[in-house]
Amino acid sequence: MTTQPMPSALPEQPEQPSRSLLEVRGLHVTYGSGASAVPAVRGVDLAVPAGGKLGVAGESGCGKSTLALALLRLLPASARVSGEILLDGEDVLTMRWGRLRAVRWAGASIVFQGAMHSLNAVHRIGEQIAEPLLVHGRSTTGAARNQAGALLEQVGLPASRAQAYPHELSGGQRQRVMIAMALACEPRLIVADEPTTALDVMIQAQILRLIEELVASQDIGLLMISHDLAVLADTCDRLAVMYAGRVVEEGPARDVYDAAHHPYGRALASAFPRIGDAASRRAPKGLPGDPPDPSALPGGCAFHPRCPVALEVCAHEDMVLRDTGSGRRVACVRAGTEAGA
């Protein structure tokens, strides 16, 4: 009787890296064409894992809102977009219209700044929250009304407010309604574009806590945009700083806020007084001048005309993001040096 050899153990398969919920690769957005072309976003690479929270910061005009609109192809027809925007592995930029329509609200949704301008003044709140449920075939008319009330309660408003019109609500209440609408179809990603800019500090704190709790409890990915590094550092896991359409620094949110490696990140962080820091309260720092006009960007590093530590090379050589350790990327010739860190 012959003995069959025992089968050898199968080789251990290497662990596959987890795919990001959202991955932006080499994103470029340009308004217009030819000599009048205006580059608003220039080669942005970002990623948001499921349940992760990424903040994007920068002054007005740095490309933050254009980035947000590009994620779901909400840009005007004059915009030319290239690169990849992978949502759960699917490229939003190449989706057919029917698939894109299905992804909006259900796969990803956006909370815009200025809720009064985003809500329809002539429709009741409950009708507007129910609309995405009906459009996506997730509910009947009667059930959608009940779900609208439940969503309002989820964001801290009584279900009875579903009968109100937008003008009958306060600014904070309207922003809560926008969050309820964003959650209606149970998306995996929420993009929040300056969700607390028009609110007082007490209501702002409440809205931020609400967003954090919802993201944590429902394992939702969050990409939050703001000009305020302090808000993002307190809310997000990671932070990306944009300038002139590019990411100039990215890393753990608290690390970037407390000790940015890029001069622009340091300037943004120091522009806000810090509680307990008498020097920053009496004389908050900042930067002279304004961000460059996207249609007339300076040569070399776009930040060098305003940079307090610029070198001669900065005027001629454009800087690209490079790893500097500890999960950080910085686009600065001084990154990693004593002057840059």
Protein backbone atom coordinates (compact mmCIF):
# COMPACT_ATOMS: atom_id res chain seq x y z
CA MET A 1 0.00 0.00 0.00
CA THR A 2 1.47 3.27 -1.08
CA THR A 3 1.35 6.25 1.19
CA GLN A 4 0.23 9.49 -0.37
CA PRO A 5 2.46 12.41 0.53
CA MET A 6 0.87 14.99 2.75
CA PRO A 7 0.02 18.16 0.83
CA SER A 8 2.37 20.95 1.66
CA ALA A 9 0.95 23.93 3.45
CA LEU A 10 -0.21 26.72 1.18
CA PRO A 11 2.10 29.71 1.19
CA GLU A 12 0.84 32.44 3.42
CA GLN A 13 -0.78 35.18 1.37
CA PRO A 14 0.42 38.70 2.02
CA GLU A 15 -2.13 40.85 3.75
CA GLN A 16 -3.86 43.12 1.25
CA PRO A 17 -3.76 46.79 2.14
CA SER A 18 -7.16 48.19 3.06
CA ARG A 19 -8.63 50.40 0.38
CA SER A 20 -9.53 53.95 1.29
CA LEU A 21 -13.18 54.94 1.21
CA LEU A 22 -12.16 58.05 -0.74
CA GLU A 23 -8.92 58.39 -2.67
CA VAL A 24 -8.08 61.48 -4.70
CA ARG A 25 -5.16 61.08 -7.09
CA GLY A 26 -3.54 63.85 -9.10
CA LEU A 27 -6.67 65.99 -9.18
CA HIS A 28 -6.52 69.08 -11.39
CA VAL A 29 -9.41 71.53 -11.84
CA THR A 30 -9.14 74.43 -14.29
CA TYR A 31 -11.79 77.03 -15.07
CA GLY A 32 -11.88 78.30 -18.64
CA SER A 33 -9.44 77.36 -21.38
CA GLY A 34 -6.55 78.70 -23.42
CA ALA A 35 -5.01 81.98 -22.31
CA SER A 36 -7.88 82.60 -19.87
CA ALA A 37 -7.52 79.25 -18.07
CA VAL A 38 -7.47 79.54 -14.27
CA PRO A 39 -6.00 76.57 -12.33
CA ALA A 40 -8.01 76.23 -9.10
CA VAL A 41 -6.78 72.79 -7.95
CA ARG A 42 -3.33 71.57 -8.99
CA GLY A 43 -2.39 67.94 -8.47
CA VAL A 44 -4.08 67.14 -5.16
CA ASP A 45 -3.66 63.68 -3.59
CA LEU A 46 -5.78 62.83 -0.54
CA ALA A 47 -7.32 59.77 1.12
CA VAL A 48 -10.09 59.20 3.67
CA PRO A 49 -10.51 55.72 5.21
CA ALA A 50 -13.90 54.43 6.36
CA GLY A 51 -14.59 56.05 9.69
CA GLY A 52 -11.68 58.47 9.18
CA LYS A 53 -11.86 62.24 9.49
CA LEU A 54 -9.72 64.42 7.22
CA GLY A 55 -9.64 68.21 7.56
CA VAL A 56 -8.70 70.53 4.70
CA ALA A 57 -7.59 74.04 5.67
CA GLY A 58 -6.49 77.18 3.90
CA GLU A 59 -7.38 80.79 3.18
CA SER A 60 -10.20 81.79 0.84
CA GLY A 61 -9.22 81.16 -2.76
CA CYS A 62 -6.87 78.23 -2.08
CA GLY A 63 -9.14 75.69 -3.82
CA LYS A 64 -10.92 74.03 -0.87
CA SER A 65 -14.50 74.44 -2.09
CA THR A 66 -13.57 73.59 -5.67
CA LEU A 67 -12.09 70.36 -4.32
CA ALA A 68 -15.31 69.61 -2.40
CA LEU A 69 -17.52 70.21 -5.45
CA ALA A 70 -15.26 68.12 -7.67
CA LEU A 71 -15.70 65.06 -5.44
CA LEU A 72 -19.28 64.57 -6.70
CA ARG A 73 -18.94 66.34 -10.06
CA LEU A 74 -20.89 69.40 -8.95
CA LEU A 75 -18.62 71.89 -10.73
CA PRO A 76 -19.94 74.19 -13.48
CA ALA A 77 -19.62 73.21 -17.12
CA SER A 78 -16.71 75.66 -17.53
CA ALA A 79 -14.52 73.51 -15.25
CA ARG A 80 -12.08 71.02 -16.76
CA VAL A 81 -11.20 68.16 -14.41
CA SER A 82 -8.51 65.50 -14.65
CA GLY A 83 -7.08 62.89 -12.31
CA GLU A 84 -8.98 60.27 -10.30
CA ILE A 85 -11.60 60.49 -7.56
CA LEU A 86 -12.10 56.95 -6.29
CA LEU A 87 -15.13 56.42 -4.06
CA ASP A 88 -15.13 52.83 -2.82
CA GLY A 89 -12.85 52.03 -5.74
CA GLU A 90 -15.09 53.60 -8.43
CA ASP A 91 -13.86 56.67 -10.29
CA VAL A 92 -16.46 59.43 -9.91
CA LEU A 93 -15.03 61.26 -12.92
CA THR A 94 -15.79 58.38 -15.31
CA MET A 95 -19.16 57.30 -13.91
CA ARG A 96 -22.15 57.33 -16.23
CA TRP A 97 -24.85 59.81 -15.25
CA GLY A 98 -27.20 57.15 -13.85
CA ARG A 99 -24.51 55.71 -11.61
CA LEU A 100 -23.40 59.16 -10.46
CA ARG A 101 -26.99 60.05 -9.60
CA ALA A 102 -27.20 56.91 -7.47
CA VAL A 103 -23.93 57.71 -5.69
CA ARG A 104 -24.93 61.25 -4.74
CA TRP A 105 -26.67 61.26 -1.34
CA ALA A 106 -26.43 57.45 -1.02
CA GLY A 107 -22.67 56.97 -1.44
CA ALA A 108 -21.55 60.46 -0.47
CA SER A 109 -23.31 63.67 0.49
CA ILE A 110 -22.31 67.28 1.05
CA VAL A 111 -23.17 69.72 3.85
CA PHE A 112 -22.74 73.19 2.35
CA GLN A 113 -21.96 76.38 4.21
CA GLY A 114 -24.82 78.87 4.47
CA ALA A 115 -27.77 76.55 5.12
CA MET A 116 -30.33 79.31 4.43
CA HIS A 117 -29.11 79.48 0.84
CA SER A 118 -29.07 75.69 0.45
CA LEU A 119 -32.59 75.05 1.73
CA ASN A 120 -35.67 75.80 -0.38
CA ALA A 121 -37.53 78.67 1.26
CA VAL A 122 -40.97 77.60 0.01
CA HIS A 123 -40.91 73.97 1.14
CA ARG A 124 -41.25 72.63 4.65
CA ILE A 125 -38.20 71.12 6.31
CA GLY A 126 -39.65 67.62 6.42
CA GLU A 127 -40.35 67.62 2.67
CA GLN A 128 -36.75 68.56 1.92
CA ILE A 129 -35.31 65.85 4.16
CA ALA A 130 -37.66 63.28 2.63
CA GLU A 131 -36.79 64.23 -0.96
CA PRO A 132 -33.53 62.25 -1.29
CA LEU A 133 -35.26 59.20 0.23
CA LEU A 134 -37.97 59.37 -2.42
CA VAL A 135 -35.62 60.19 -5.30
CA HIS A 136 -33.47 57.15 -4.48
CA GLY A 137 -36.50 54.89 -4.00
CA ARG A 138 -35.63 54.17 -0.38
CA SER A 139 -39.04 54.93 1.04
CA THR A 140 -42.69 55.57 0.29
CA THR A 141 -44.14 59.05 0.77
CA GLY A 142 -45.71 58.26 4.13
CA ALA A 143 -42.71 56.40 5.48
CA ALA A 144 -40.36 59.17 4.28
CA ARG A 145 -42.25 61.69 6.44
CA ASN A 146 -41.71 59.50 9.49
CA GLN A 147 -38.04 59.04 8.63
CA ALA A 148 -37.63 62.79 8.28
CA GLY A 149 -38.89 63.23 11.84
CA ALA A 150 -36.54 60.51 13.08
CA LEU A 151 -33.59 62.15 11.32
CA LEU A 152 -34.43 65.49 12.92
CA GLU A 153 -34.41 63.85 16.34
CA GLN A 154 -31.09 62.22 15.48
CA VAL A 155 -29.54 65.69 15.00
CA GLY A 156 -31.11 67.11 18.15
CA LEU A 157 -34.32 68.70 16.84
CA PRO A 158 -37.91 67.68 17.70
CA ALA A 159 -39.72 65.78 14.95
CA SER A 160 -42.42 68.47 14.99
CA ARG A 161 -39.98 70.90 13.34
CA ALA A 162 -40.52 68.96 10.11
CA GLN A 163 -43.54 71.22 9.55
CA ALA A 164 -41.48 74.41 9.78
CA TYR A 165 -40.15 76.50 6.91
CA PRO A 166 -36.44 77.39 6.81
CA HIS A 167 -37.01 81.01 7.87
CA GLU A 168 -38.69 79.79 11.07
CA LEU A 169 -35.47 78.14 12.26
CA SER A 170 -32.30 79.61 13.73
CA GLY A 171 -28.97 79.34 11.93
CA GLY A 172 -27.86 76.42 14.09
CA GLN A 173 -31.15 74.61 13.57
CA ARG A 174 -30.91 75.04 9.80
CA GLN A 175 -27.40 73.60 9.85
CA ARG A 176 -28.73 70.60 11.77
CA VAL A 177 -31.36 70.18 9.07
CA MET A 178 -28.60 70.13 6.43
CA ILE A 179 -26.83 67.39 8.39
CA ALA A 180 -30.10 65.42 8.66
CA MET A 181 -30.51 65.67 4.87
CA ALA A 182 -26.93 64.51 4.36
CA LEU A 183 -27.59 61.45 6.55
CA ALA A 184 -30.96 60.57 4.98
CA CYS A 185 -29.70 57.91 2.55
CA GLU A 186 -27.04 56.54 4.92
CA PRO A 187 -23.99 57.64 2.90
CA ARG A 188 -20.55 56.25 3.62
CA LEU A 189 -18.86 59.66 3.17
CA ILE A 190 -19.88 63.17 4.22
CA VAL A 191 -18.16 66.25 2.82
CA ALA A 192 -18.70 69.24 5.12
CA ASP A 193 -17.75 72.54 3.47
CA GLU A 194 -17.37 75.21 6.18
CA PRO A 195 -20.39 73.80 8.10
CA THR A 196 -20.05 76.19 11.05
CA THR A 197 -18.70 79.41 9.50
CA ALA A 198 -21.90 81.46 9.94
CA LEU A 199 -22.63 80.25 13.49
CA ASP A 200 -21.74 81.72 16.87
CA VAL A 201 -19.10 79.88 18.89
CA MET A 202 -21.55 78.09 21.21
CA ILE A 203 -23.66 76.72 18.34
CA GLN A 204 -20.49 75.95 16.39
CA ALA A 205 -19.26 73.76 19.25
CA GLN A 206 -22.59 71.91 19.37
CA ILE A 207 -22.59 71.25 15.61
CA LEU A 208 -18.99 70.00 15.68
CA ARG A 209 -19.74 67.61 18.54
CA LEU A 210 -22.81 66.39 16.67
CA ILE A 211 -20.80 65.69 13.52
CA GLU A 212 -18.13 63.85 15.53
CA GLU A 213 -20.70 61.68 17.29
CA LEU A 214 -22.53 60.79 14.07
CA VAL A 215 -19.31 59.92 12.25
CA ALA A 216 -18.17 57.70 15.12
CA SER A 217 -21.50 55.95 15.68
CA GLN A 218 -22.19 55.24 11.99
CA ASP A 219 -18.61 54.60 10.81
CA ILE A 220 -18.90 57.39 8.22
CA GLY A 221 -15.88 58.92 6.51
CA LEU A 222 -15.67 62.69 6.90
CA LEU A 223 -13.88 65.31 4.83
CA MET A 224 -14.30 68.67 6.55
CA ILE A 225 -13.23 71.97 5.00
CA SER A 226 -12.48 75.09 7.01
CA HIS A 227 -10.15 78.08 7.23
CA ASP A 228 -9.84 77.44 10.98
CA LEU A 229 -7.05 75.01 11.88
CA ALA A 230 -8.16 74.91 15.51
CA VAL A 231 -11.60 73.58 14.57
CA LEU A 232 -10.11 70.93 12.29
CA ALA A 233 -7.45 69.91 14.81
CA ASP A 234 -10.15 69.38 17.42
CA THR A 235 -12.45 67.43 15.08
CA CYS A 236 -10.33 65.48 12.59
CA ASP A 237 -7.74 62.70 12.68
CA ARG A 238 -5.60 64.14 9.87
CA LEU A 239 -5.17 67.60 8.44
CA ALA A 240 -4.20 68.80 4.96
CA VAL A 241 -3.20 72.42 4.41
CA MET A 242 -3.87 73.87 0.95
CA TYR A 243 -2.29 76.91 -0.68
CA ALA A 244 -2.74 78.12 -4.27
CA GLY A 245 -4.60 74.96 -5.26
CA ARG A 246 -2.11 72.49 -3.79
CA VAL A 247 -1.67 70.54 -0.57
CA VAL A 248 1.49 71.92 1.05
CA GLU A 249 1.34 69.87 4.25
CA GLU A 250 -0.51 66.81 5.54
CA GLY A 251 -0.25 64.84 8.74
CA PRO A 252 -1.90 63.99 12.07
CA ALA A 253 -4.23 66.89 12.79
CA ARG A 254 -2.97 67.81 16.24
CA ASP A 255 0.68 67.57 15.16
CA VAL A 256 0.14 69.87 12.17
CA TYR A 257 -1.75 72.39 14.31
CA ASP A 258 0.73 72.38 17.18
CA ALA A 259 3.94 72.23 15.12
CA ALA A 260 3.40 72.69 11.39
CA HIS A 261 6.49 72.03 9.28
CA HIS A 262 5.45 74.29 6.41
CA PRO A 263 5.72 78.06 7.01
CA TYR A 264 2.19 78.55 5.69
CA GLY A 265 0.76 75.99 8.11
CA ARG A 266 2.54 77.72 10.99
CA ALA A 267 1.14 81.09 9.88
CA LEU A 268 -2.41 79.71 9.75
CA ALA A 269 -2.10 78.17 13.20
CA SER A 270 -0.67 81.35 14.74
CA ALA A 271 -3.38 83.58 13.23
CA PHE A 272 -5.85 82.47 15.95
CA PRO A 273 -5.36 83.44 19.61
CA ARG A 274 -4.99 80.44 21.93
CA ILE A 275 -6.62 80.22 25.32
CA GLY A 276 -4.00 80.53 28.04
CA ASP A 277 -1.40 82.03 25.69
CA ALA A 278 -1.23 85.72 26.62
CA ALA A 279 1.19 86.59 23.80
CA SER A 280 -1.04 85.18 21.05
CA ARG A 281 -4.11 86.81 22.61
CA ARG A 282 -2.57 90.28 22.62
CA ALA A 283 -0.83 90.02 19.27
CA PRO A 284 -2.09 87.19 17.05
CA LYS A 285 0.25 86.67 14.15
CA GLY A 286 -0.57 86.25 10.50
CA LEU A 287 0.78 86.90 7.05
CA PRO A 288 0.97 90.10 5.05
CA GLY A 289 -0.73 90.23 1.68
CA ASP A 290 -3.16 87.81 0.08
CA PRO A 291 -2.95 84.43 -1.64
CA PRO A 292 -1.88 84.74 -5.28
CA ASP A 293 -4.40 85.18 -8.09
CA PRO A 294 -4.80 81.65 -9.58
CA SER A 295 -4.59 83.17 -13.05
CA ALA A 296 -1.18 84.71 -12.31
CA LEU A 297 0.71 82.33 -10.04
CA PRO A 298 4.31 83.27 -9.25
CA GLY A 299 7.17 81.08 -10.46
CA GLY A 300 8.71 78.48 -8.19
CA CYS A 301 6.93 77.83 -4.91
CA ALA A 302 3.65 79.78 -5.00
CA PHE A 303 4.09 80.70 -1.33
CA HIS A 304 7.56 82.19 -1.59
CA PRO A 305 6.48 85.88 -2.05
CA ARG A 306 4.84 85.76 1.41
CA CYS A 307 7.18 83.27 3.08
CA PRO A 308 9.24 84.71 5.97
CA VAL A 309 11.94 82.05 5.57
CA ALA A 310 12.11 81.72 1.77
CA LEU A 311 15.41 80.84 0.12
CA GLU A 312 16.59 81.86 -3.32
CA VAL A 313 15.74 78.42 -4.71
CA CYS A 314 12.10 78.90 -3.70
CA ALA A 315 11.62 81.55 -6.38
CA HIS A 316 12.69 79.15 -9.14
CA GLU A 317 11.90 75.60 -8.04
CA ASP A 318 8.38 74.36 -7.37
CA MET A 319 8.11 72.22 -4.24
CA VAL A 320 6.37 68.84 -4.16
CA LEU A 321 5.06 66.90 -1.18
CA ARG A 322 7.59 64.53 0.32
CA ASP A 323 7.48 62.25 3.34
CA THR A 324 9.17 63.68 6.42
CA GLY A 325 8.39 60.82 8.82
CA SER A 326 5.69 60.25 11.45
CA GLY A 327 2.98 60.13 8.79
CA ARG A 328 3.65 63.66 7.56
CA ARG A 329 4.15 65.09 4.08
CA VAL A 330 5.46 68.60 3.44
CA ALA A 331 6.15 70.62 0.28
CA CYS A 332 8.97 72.86 1.49
CA VAL A 333 12.70 72.92 0.86
CA ARG A 334 13.23 73.49 4.60
CA ALA A 335 11.10 70.51 5.69
CA GLY A 336 13.09 68.33 8.06
CA THR A 337 15.63 71.04 8.83
CA GLU A 338 15.76 72.99 12.08
CA ALA A 339 14.45 76.10 10.30
CA GLY A 340 11.61 74.24 8.69
CA ALA A 341 10.46 72.05 11.55
